[in-house]
Amino acid sequence: MGAVVLGYGNPSRGDDALGPRLLERADAWLAERPGLDVATVADFQLQIEHALDLKDRELVLFLDADAGCTGAFAFAPVGPARDSSYSTHELSPGAVLQVYRAVEGQAPPPAYVLSVRGERFDLGEPLSPAAEVHLEAAWAFLEDLLEDPRPAAWTAKLPCLHA
């Protein structure tokens, strides 16, 4: 069963690359630990097809940049939601969970969002210096999550806001 980690964002848009950059680190880290049952999925944005990536998983983690994050990163649970993104080509994590519920006819696995504070999202920009610092803090937290991909272990990390 294990976990699935979905990292999304546009690597060509400055700090929007935070989700994919975290996922790249996770992929390299997981490659050295073949015993951990954690799958990863990278994309520019969440879409309805990502609901299929949740099938047969006991945990879900969404990684994304967030300009509204008050600390370096935040870790929070997320549930199914039929929000305004539900019928567009770009979905929120809650909308992906809602699609899963509709398609599978059952509740989705426990899901969380790891949001990393971003400041600059202009096309062609690299990560901002602040985002580099936030990325390091978020990676340390993510590495700890990946060490123990069980629902109880992740729930024990709540609430987590890193200043």
N, C-alpha and C. Protein backbone atom coordinates (compact mmCIF):
# COMPACT_ATOMS: atom_id res chain seq x y z
N MET A 1 0.85 -1.19 0.00
CA MET A 1 0.00 0.00 0.00
C MET A 1 0.89 1.25 0.00
N GLY A 2 1.53 1.56 1.07
CA GLY A 2 2.47 2.67 1.10
C GLY A 2 1.86 4.03 0.82
N ALA A 3 2.74 4.95 0.49
CA ALA A 3 2.36 6.35 0.27
C ALA A 3 2.64 6.76 -1.16
N VAL A 4 1.99 7.82 -1.58
CA VAL A 4 2.29 8.46 -2.85
C VAL A 4 2.53 9.94 -2.56
N VAL A 5 3.57 10.48 -3.17
CA VAL A 5 3.92 11.88 -3.02
C VAL A 5 3.80 12.54 -4.38
N LEU A 6 2.96 13.57 -4.45
CA LEU A 6 2.76 14.31 -5.70
C LEU A 6 3.39 15.69 -5.56
N GLY A 7 4.42 15.95 -6.34
CA GLY A 7 5.07 17.25 -6.34
C GLY A 7 4.73 17.98 -7.61
N TYR A 8 4.23 19.20 -7.48
CA TYR A 8 3.80 19.91 -8.68
C TYR A 8 4.20 21.37 -8.63
N GLY A 9 4.32 21.94 -9.82
CA GLY A 9 4.73 23.32 -9.98
C GLY A 9 5.52 23.46 -11.27
N ASN A 10 5.72 24.68 -11.69
CA ASN A 10 6.42 24.94 -12.95
C ASN A 10 7.87 25.32 -12.66
N PRO A 11 8.82 24.46 -12.99
CA PRO A 11 10.23 24.76 -12.72
C PRO A 11 10.75 25.99 -13.45
N SER A 12 10.02 26.49 -14.43
CA SER A 12 10.44 27.69 -15.17
C SER A 12 9.89 28.97 -14.57
N ARG A 13 9.20 28.87 -13.45
CA ARG A 13 8.57 30.04 -12.84
C ARG A 13 9.09 30.29 -11.43
N GLY A 14 10.37 30.48 -11.30
CA GLY A 14 10.96 30.85 -10.01
C GLY A 14 10.60 29.89 -8.91
N ASP A 15 10.02 30.44 -7.86
CA ASP A 15 9.72 29.65 -6.66
C ASP A 15 8.62 28.61 -6.86
N ASP A 16 7.92 28.66 -7.99
CA ASP A 16 6.94 27.63 -8.27
C ASP A 16 7.62 26.27 -8.43
N ALA A 17 8.94 26.27 -8.57
CA ALA A 17 9.71 25.02 -8.70
C ALA A 17 9.89 24.30 -7.37
N LEU A 18 9.43 24.86 -6.26
CA LEU A 18 9.66 24.24 -4.96
C LEU A 18 9.10 22.82 -4.85
N GLY A 19 7.89 22.58 -5.33
CA GLY A 19 7.32 21.23 -5.29
C GLY A 19 8.16 20.24 -6.07
N PRO A 20 8.45 20.53 -7.36
CA PRO A 20 9.30 19.61 -8.12
C PRO A 20 10.70 19.44 -7.54
N ARG A 21 11.28 20.49 -6.99
CA ARG A 21 12.62 20.38 -6.41
C ARG A 21 12.61 19.46 -5.18
N LEU A 22 11.59 19.59 -4.35
CA LEU A 22 11.46 18.69 -3.20
C LEU A 22 11.29 17.25 -3.67
N LEU A 23 10.49 17.06 -4.71
CA LEU A 23 10.25 15.72 -5.22
C LEU A 23 11.53 15.11 -5.80
N GLU A 24 12.35 15.91 -6.46
CA GLU A 24 13.63 15.41 -6.97
C GLU A 24 14.51 14.89 -5.82
N ARG A 25 14.54 15.64 -4.74
CA ARG A 25 15.32 15.19 -3.57
C ARG A 25 14.75 13.90 -3.01
N ALA A 26 13.42 13.85 -2.94
CA ALA A 26 12.77 12.64 -2.42
C ALA A 26 13.09 11.44 -3.31
N ASP A 27 13.05 11.62 -4.63
CA ASP A 27 13.37 10.51 -5.54
C ASP A 27 14.78 9.99 -5.30
N ALA A 28 15.74 10.89 -5.19
CA ALA A 28 17.13 10.48 -4.96
C ALA A 28 17.27 9.77 -3.62
N TRP A 29 16.63 10.31 -2.60
CA TRP A 29 16.69 9.74 -1.26
C TRP A 29 16.04 8.35 -1.24
N LEU A 30 14.87 8.24 -1.89
CA LEU A 30 14.15 6.96 -1.92
C LEU A 30 14.90 5.91 -2.73
N ALA A 31 15.64 6.32 -3.75
CA ALA A 31 16.41 5.37 -4.55
C ALA A 31 17.44 4.63 -3.71
N GLU A 32 17.88 5.25 -2.63
CA GLU A 32 18.84 4.62 -1.73
C GLU A 32 18.17 3.79 -0.64
N ARG A 33 16.84 3.76 -0.64
CA ARG A 33 16.07 3.03 0.37
C ARG A 33 14.96 2.23 -0.32
N PRO A 34 15.33 1.20 -1.06
CA PRO A 34 14.33 0.45 -1.83
C PRO A 34 13.28 -0.26 -0.99
N GLY A 35 13.49 -0.39 0.30
CA GLY A 35 12.51 -1.05 1.16
C GLY A 35 11.31 -0.19 1.51
N LEU A 36 11.40 1.11 1.28
CA LEU A 36 10.27 1.99 1.60
C LEU A 36 9.27 1.98 0.45
N ASP A 37 8.01 1.81 0.79
CA ASP A 37 6.95 1.77 -0.22
C ASP A 37 6.38 3.17 -0.41
N VAL A 38 7.10 3.98 -1.16
CA VAL A 38 6.68 5.35 -1.45
C VAL A 38 6.84 5.59 -2.94
N ALA A 39 5.75 5.92 -3.61
CA ALA A 39 5.77 6.26 -5.03
C ALA A 39 5.77 7.78 -5.15
N THR A 40 6.34 8.28 -6.24
CA THR A 40 6.35 9.72 -6.47
C THR A 40 5.77 10.03 -7.84
N VAL A 41 5.13 11.20 -7.92
CA VAL A 41 4.52 11.67 -9.17
C VAL A 41 4.84 13.14 -9.31
N ALA A 42 5.40 13.53 -10.46
CA ALA A 42 5.72 14.94 -10.73
C ALA A 42 4.85 15.44 -11.87
N ASP A 43 4.42 16.70 -11.74
CA ASP A 43 3.65 17.32 -12.82
C ASP A 43 3.67 18.83 -12.64
N PHE A 44 3.25 19.54 -13.69
CA PHE A 44 3.17 20.99 -13.61
C PHE A 44 1.99 21.43 -12.75
N GLN A 45 0.90 20.66 -12.81
CA GLN A 45 -0.30 20.99 -12.03
C GLN A 45 -1.09 19.71 -11.78
N LEU A 46 -1.96 19.76 -10.79
CA LEU A 46 -2.80 18.62 -10.48
C LEU A 46 -3.96 18.56 -11.46
N GLN A 47 -4.29 17.35 -11.90
CA GLN A 47 -5.39 17.14 -12.84
C GLN A 47 -6.22 15.95 -12.38
N ILE A 48 -7.38 15.75 -12.99
CA ILE A 48 -8.27 14.69 -12.54
C ILE A 48 -7.61 13.32 -12.61
N GLU A 49 -6.72 13.11 -13.57
CA GLU A 49 -6.04 11.82 -13.70
C GLU A 49 -5.21 11.47 -12.47
N HIS A 50 -4.80 12.47 -11.71
CA HIS A 50 -4.00 12.19 -10.52
C HIS A 50 -4.79 11.44 -9.44
N ALA A 51 -6.10 11.45 -9.55
CA ALA A 51 -6.91 10.67 -8.61
C ALA A 51 -6.55 9.19 -8.72
N LEU A 52 -6.16 8.73 -9.90
CA LEU A 52 -5.79 7.33 -10.09
C LEU A 52 -4.49 6.98 -9.38
N ASP A 53 -3.63 7.98 -9.15
CA ASP A 53 -2.37 7.74 -8.44
C ASP A 53 -2.59 7.42 -6.96
N LEU A 54 -3.78 7.69 -6.46
CA LEU A 54 -4.09 7.44 -5.05
C LEU A 54 -4.58 6.02 -4.80
N LYS A 55 -4.94 5.33 -5.86
CA LYS A 55 -5.50 3.98 -5.72
C LYS A 55 -4.51 3.05 -5.03
N ASP A 56 -5.02 2.30 -4.08
CA ASP A 56 -4.25 1.31 -3.32
C ASP A 56 -3.14 1.93 -2.48
N ARG A 57 -3.27 3.18 -2.10
CA ARG A 57 -2.29 3.85 -1.23
C ARG A 57 -2.94 4.10 0.12
N GLU A 58 -2.11 4.11 1.17
CA GLU A 58 -2.65 4.39 2.50
C GLU A 58 -2.35 5.80 2.96
N LEU A 59 -1.55 6.54 2.19
CA LEU A 59 -1.21 7.93 2.51
C LEU A 59 -0.95 8.70 1.22
N VAL A 60 -1.27 10.00 1.26
CA VAL A 60 -1.01 10.88 0.13
C VAL A 60 -0.37 12.15 0.65
N LEU A 61 0.65 12.63 -0.07
CA LEU A 61 1.27 13.90 0.27
C LEU A 61 1.39 14.75 -0.99
N PHE A 62 0.88 15.97 -0.91
CA PHE A 62 0.99 16.94 -1.99
C PHE A 62 2.09 17.94 -1.62
N LEU A 63 3.03 18.20 -2.54
CA LEU A 63 4.11 19.16 -2.33
C LEU A 63 3.91 20.33 -3.28
N ASP A 64 3.90 21.56 -2.73
CA ASP A 64 3.67 22.72 -3.59
C ASP A 64 4.26 23.97 -2.97
N ALA A 65 4.53 24.94 -3.82
CA ALA A 65 4.92 26.28 -3.37
C ALA A 65 3.66 27.03 -2.95
N ASP A 66 3.81 27.96 -2.03
CA ASP A 66 2.66 28.72 -1.54
C ASP A 66 3.11 30.11 -1.14
N ALA A 67 2.66 31.11 -1.89
CA ALA A 67 3.01 32.50 -1.57
C ALA A 67 2.35 32.96 -0.28
N GLY A 68 1.29 32.30 0.15
CA GLY A 68 0.58 32.71 1.35
C GLY A 68 1.05 32.03 2.62
N CYS A 69 2.00 31.16 2.51
CA CYS A 69 2.53 30.44 3.68
C CYS A 69 3.25 31.44 4.58
N THR A 70 2.93 31.45 5.86
CA THR A 70 3.52 32.45 6.76
C THR A 70 4.89 32.05 7.28
N GLY A 71 5.17 30.76 7.36
CA GLY A 71 6.49 30.29 7.78
C GLY A 71 7.26 29.77 6.58
N ALA A 72 8.38 29.12 6.84
CA ALA A 72 9.16 28.53 5.75
C ALA A 72 8.35 27.44 5.05
N PHE A 73 7.56 26.69 5.83
CA PHE A 73 6.69 25.67 5.27
C PHE A 73 5.57 25.39 6.26
N ALA A 74 4.55 24.70 5.77
CA ALA A 74 3.44 24.27 6.61
C ALA A 74 3.04 22.87 6.19
N PHE A 75 2.63 22.07 7.16
CA PHE A 75 2.18 20.70 6.93
C PHE A 75 0.79 20.58 7.52
N ALA A 76 -0.19 20.23 6.69
CA ALA A 76 -1.56 20.20 7.16
C ALA A 76 -2.34 19.10 6.45
N PRO A 77 -3.36 18.56 7.12
CA PRO A 77 -4.22 17.57 6.46
C PRO A 77 -5.10 18.26 5.43
N VAL A 78 -5.55 17.49 4.47
CA VAL A 78 -6.48 18.00 3.46
C VAL A 78 -7.50 16.90 3.19
N GLY A 79 -8.73 17.31 2.98
CA GLY A 79 -9.80 16.36 2.69
C GLY A 79 -10.46 16.66 1.36
N PRO A 80 -11.34 15.78 0.92
CA PRO A 80 -12.04 15.99 -0.34
C PRO A 80 -12.83 17.29 -0.31
N ALA A 81 -12.82 18.00 -1.42
CA ALA A 81 -13.55 19.26 -1.50
C ALA A 81 -13.95 19.53 -2.94
N ARG A 82 -15.18 19.83 -3.12
CA ARG A 82 -15.64 20.24 -4.45
C ARG A 82 -15.54 21.75 -4.51
N ASP A 83 -14.33 22.23 -4.72
CA ASP A 83 -14.09 23.67 -4.73
C ASP A 83 -14.16 24.22 -6.16
N SER A 84 -13.78 25.47 -6.32
CA SER A 84 -13.90 26.11 -7.63
C SER A 84 -12.96 25.50 -8.67
N SER A 85 -11.97 24.73 -8.25
CA SER A 85 -11.06 24.10 -9.22
C SER A 85 -11.60 22.77 -9.73
N TYR A 86 -12.69 22.30 -9.16
CA TYR A 86 -13.21 20.95 -9.43
C TYR A 86 -13.48 20.70 -10.91
N SER A 87 -13.88 21.72 -11.66
CA SER A 87 -14.25 21.50 -13.06
C SER A 87 -13.27 22.16 -14.03
N THR A 88 -12.08 22.47 -13.59
CA THR A 88 -11.10 23.09 -14.48
C THR A 88 -9.99 22.10 -14.80
N HIS A 89 -9.01 22.55 -15.58
CA HIS A 89 -7.90 21.67 -15.94
C HIS A 89 -6.83 21.64 -14.85
N GLU A 90 -6.93 22.51 -13.88
CA GLU A 90 -5.97 22.55 -12.77
C GLU A 90 -6.74 22.40 -11.47
N LEU A 91 -6.43 21.36 -10.71
CA LEU A 91 -7.19 21.06 -9.50
C LEU A 91 -6.39 21.37 -8.24
N SER A 92 -7.12 21.60 -7.16
CA SER A 92 -6.52 21.70 -5.83
C SER A 92 -6.35 20.28 -5.29
N PRO A 93 -5.54 20.09 -4.25
CA PRO A 93 -5.45 18.76 -3.64
C PRO A 93 -6.81 18.24 -3.19
N GLY A 94 -7.63 19.11 -2.59
CA GLY A 94 -8.96 18.68 -2.15
C GLY A 94 -9.84 18.20 -3.30
N ALA A 95 -9.72 18.86 -4.45
CA ALA A 95 -10.51 18.45 -5.62
C ALA A 95 -10.02 17.10 -6.16
N VAL A 96 -8.72 16.85 -6.13
CA VAL A 96 -8.21 15.53 -6.55
C VAL A 96 -8.79 14.45 -5.64
N LEU A 97 -8.83 14.73 -4.35
CA LEU A 97 -9.40 13.76 -3.40
C LEU A 97 -10.89 13.55 -3.66
N GLN A 98 -11.59 14.63 -4.02
CA GLN A 98 -13.02 14.53 -4.34
C GLN A 98 -13.23 13.69 -5.60
N VAL A 99 -12.39 13.86 -6.60
CA VAL A 99 -12.49 13.04 -7.81
C VAL A 99 -12.26 11.57 -7.45
N TYR A 100 -11.28 11.30 -6.61
CA TYR A 100 -11.03 9.92 -6.18
C TYR A 100 -12.29 9.34 -5.53
N ARG A 101 -12.90 10.10 -4.63
CA ARG A 101 -14.11 9.62 -3.96
C ARG A 101 -15.21 9.31 -4.97
N ALA A 102 -15.38 10.19 -5.97
CA ALA A 102 -16.42 9.99 -6.97
C ALA A 102 -16.12 8.79 -7.87
N VAL A 103 -14.88 8.63 -8.28
CA VAL A 103 -14.51 7.55 -9.19
C VAL A 103 -14.48 6.20 -8.48
N GLU A 104 -13.90 6.16 -7.30
CA GLU A 104 -13.72 4.90 -6.58
C GLU A 104 -14.91 4.53 -5.69
N GLY A 105 -15.78 5.50 -5.41
CA GLY A 105 -16.93 5.22 -4.56
C GLY A 105 -16.56 4.97 -3.11
N GLN A 106 -15.42 5.50 -2.68
CA GLN A 106 -14.98 5.34 -1.30
C GLN A 106 -14.14 6.54 -0.89
N ALA A 107 -13.93 6.65 0.40
CA ALA A 107 -13.11 7.75 0.91
C ALA A 107 -11.68 7.61 0.42
N PRO A 108 -11.03 8.73 0.14
CA PRO A 108 -9.62 8.65 -0.25
C PRO A 108 -8.75 8.34 0.97
N PRO A 109 -7.52 7.95 0.73
CA PRO A 109 -6.61 7.73 1.86
C PRO A 109 -6.33 9.05 2.57
N PRO A 110 -5.85 9.00 3.81
CA PRO A 110 -5.48 10.23 4.51
C PRO A 110 -4.48 11.02 3.66
N ALA A 111 -4.70 12.32 3.58
CA ALA A 111 -3.88 13.16 2.72
C ALA A 111 -3.41 14.41 3.44
N TYR A 112 -2.24 14.87 3.04
CA TYR A 112 -1.61 16.04 3.64
C TYR A 112 -1.01 16.91 2.54
N VAL A 113 -0.84 18.17 2.88
CA VAL A 113 -0.16 19.11 1.99
C VAL A 113 1.06 19.65 2.72
N LEU A 114 2.21 19.59 2.05
CA LEU A 114 3.42 20.25 2.54
C LEU A 114 3.62 21.46 1.63
N SER A 115 3.30 22.63 2.16
CA SER A 115 3.41 23.88 1.42
C SER A 115 4.71 24.56 1.79
N VAL A 116 5.44 25.02 0.78
CA VAL A 116 6.71 25.69 1.00
C VAL A 116 6.58 27.13 0.53
N ARG A 117 6.98 28.02 1.39
CA ARG A 117 6.81 29.45 1.09
C ARG A 117 7.67 29.89 -0.09
N GLY A 118 6.98 30.47 -1.07
CA GLY A 118 7.63 31.04 -2.23
C GLY A 118 7.33 32.53 -2.31
N GLU A 119 8.21 33.26 -2.98
CA GLU A 119 8.03 34.71 -3.07
C GLU A 119 8.02 35.24 -4.50
N ARG A 120 8.79 34.60 -5.38
CA ARG A 120 8.88 35.08 -6.76
C ARG A 120 8.46 33.96 -7.71
N PHE A 121 7.54 34.28 -8.61
CA PHE A 121 6.98 33.27 -9.51
C PHE A 121 7.05 33.71 -10.97
N ASP A 122 7.99 34.57 -11.30
CA ASP A 122 8.11 35.09 -12.66
C ASP A 122 8.74 34.05 -13.59
N LEU A 123 8.27 34.05 -14.83
CA LEU A 123 8.79 33.14 -15.84
C LEU A 123 10.28 33.39 -16.06
N GLY A 124 11.05 32.30 -16.06
CA GLY A 124 12.47 32.38 -16.32
C GLY A 124 13.34 32.69 -15.11
N GLU A 125 12.74 32.93 -13.97
CA GLU A 125 13.49 33.23 -12.75
C GLU A 125 13.97 31.95 -12.07
N PRO A 126 15.12 32.00 -11.41
CA PRO A 126 15.54 30.87 -10.58
C PRO A 126 14.82 30.95 -9.23
N LEU A 127 15.07 29.98 -8.37
CA LEU A 127 14.55 30.07 -7.01
C LEU A 127 15.11 31.32 -6.34
N SER A 128 14.29 31.98 -5.57
CA SER A 128 14.75 33.15 -4.82
C SER A 128 15.65 32.68 -3.67
N PRO A 129 16.52 33.54 -3.17
CA PRO A 129 17.35 33.15 -2.02
C PRO A 129 16.52 32.70 -0.82
N ALA A 130 15.40 33.37 -0.58
CA ALA A 130 14.53 32.96 0.54
C ALA A 130 13.95 31.57 0.31
N ALA A 131 13.54 31.29 -0.94
CA ALA A 131 12.97 29.98 -1.25
C ALA A 131 14.00 28.87 -1.07
N GLU A 132 15.26 29.16 -1.36
CA GLU A 132 16.33 28.17 -1.15
C GLU A 132 16.40 27.78 0.33
N VAL A 133 16.29 28.78 1.21
CA VAL A 133 16.30 28.53 2.66
C VAL A 133 15.07 27.73 3.06
N HIS A 134 13.91 28.11 2.54
CA HIS A 134 12.66 27.41 2.87
C HIS A 134 12.70 25.97 2.36
N LEU A 135 13.31 25.76 1.20
CA LEU A 135 13.45 24.43 0.64
C LEU A 135 14.25 23.52 1.57
N GLU A 136 15.32 24.05 2.12
CA GLU A 136 16.15 23.25 3.04
C GLU A 136 15.36 22.85 4.28
N ALA A 137 14.62 23.78 4.84
CA ALA A 137 13.81 23.48 6.03
C ALA A 137 12.73 22.45 5.71
N ALA A 138 12.07 22.62 4.56
CA ALA A 138 11.01 21.69 4.17
C ALA A 138 11.59 20.31 3.88
N TRP A 139 12.78 20.25 3.28
CA TRP A 139 13.40 18.95 2.99
C TRP A 139 13.68 18.18 4.29
N ALA A 140 14.19 18.84 5.28
CA ALA A 140 14.47 18.17 6.55
C ALA A 140 13.19 17.56 7.12
N PHE A 141 12.09 18.29 7.01
CA PHE A 141 10.81 17.79 7.50
C PHE A 141 10.32 16.64 6.63
N LEU A 142 10.40 16.79 5.31
CA LEU A 142 9.94 15.74 4.40
C LEU A 142 10.74 14.45 4.58
N GLU A 143 12.03 14.58 4.76
CA GLU A 143 12.87 13.41 4.98
C GLU A 143 12.40 12.63 6.21
N ASP A 144 12.04 13.36 7.24
CA ASP A 144 11.52 12.74 8.46
C ASP A 144 10.19 12.02 8.18
N LEU A 145 9.32 12.62 7.37
CA LEU A 145 8.06 11.97 7.02
C LEU A 145 8.32 10.68 6.25
N LEU A 146 9.22 10.74 5.27
CA LEU A 146 9.47 9.59 4.42
C LEU A 146 10.09 8.42 5.17
N GLU A 147 10.79 8.72 6.26
CA GLU A 147 11.39 7.66 7.08
C GLU A 147 10.33 6.71 7.63
N ASP A 148 9.12 7.22 7.86
CA ASP A 148 8.05 6.43 8.47
C ASP A 148 6.72 6.72 7.78
N PRO A 149 6.50 6.15 6.59
CA PRO A 149 5.27 6.44 5.84
C PRO A 149 4.05 5.65 6.34
N ARG A 150 3.64 5.98 7.56
CA ARG A 150 2.43 5.38 8.14
C ARG A 150 1.50 6.49 8.57
N PRO A 151 0.18 6.31 8.42
CA PRO A 151 -0.76 7.37 8.81
C PRO A 151 -0.55 7.88 10.24
N ALA A 152 -0.35 6.99 11.21
CA ALA A 152 -0.19 7.44 12.60
C ALA A 152 1.05 8.31 12.76
N ALA A 153 2.13 7.96 12.08
CA ALA A 153 3.37 8.73 12.19
C ALA A 153 3.20 10.13 11.62
N TRP A 154 2.49 10.24 10.50
CA TRP A 154 2.30 11.57 9.89
C TRP A 154 1.33 12.41 10.70
N THR A 155 0.30 11.77 11.23
CA THR A 155 -0.66 12.51 12.07
C THR A 155 0.03 13.07 13.30
N ALA A 156 1.00 12.36 13.83
CA ALA A 156 1.74 12.82 15.01
C ALA A 156 2.55 14.09 14.73
N LYS A 157 2.78 14.41 13.47
CA LYS A 157 3.56 15.61 13.10
C LYS A 157 2.69 16.88 13.07
N LEU A 158 1.40 16.72 13.29
CA LEU A 158 0.47 17.86 13.20
C LEU A 158 0.35 18.57 14.52
N PRO A 159 0.05 19.83 14.55
CA PRO A 159 0.22 20.75 13.43
C PRO A 159 1.70 21.12 13.30
N CYS A 160 2.12 21.41 12.12
CA CYS A 160 3.51 21.80 11.93
C CYS A 160 3.59 23.04 11.05
N LEU A 161 4.00 24.12 11.65
CA LEU A 161 4.26 25.36 10.92
C LEU A 161 5.69 25.75 11.28
N HIS A 162 6.53 25.87 10.30
CA HIS A 162 7.93 26.19 10.56
C HIS A 162 8.15 27.67 10.28
N ALA A 163 8.54 28.41 11.31
CA ALA A 163 8.70 29.86 11.16
C ALA A 163 9.90 30.25 10.35
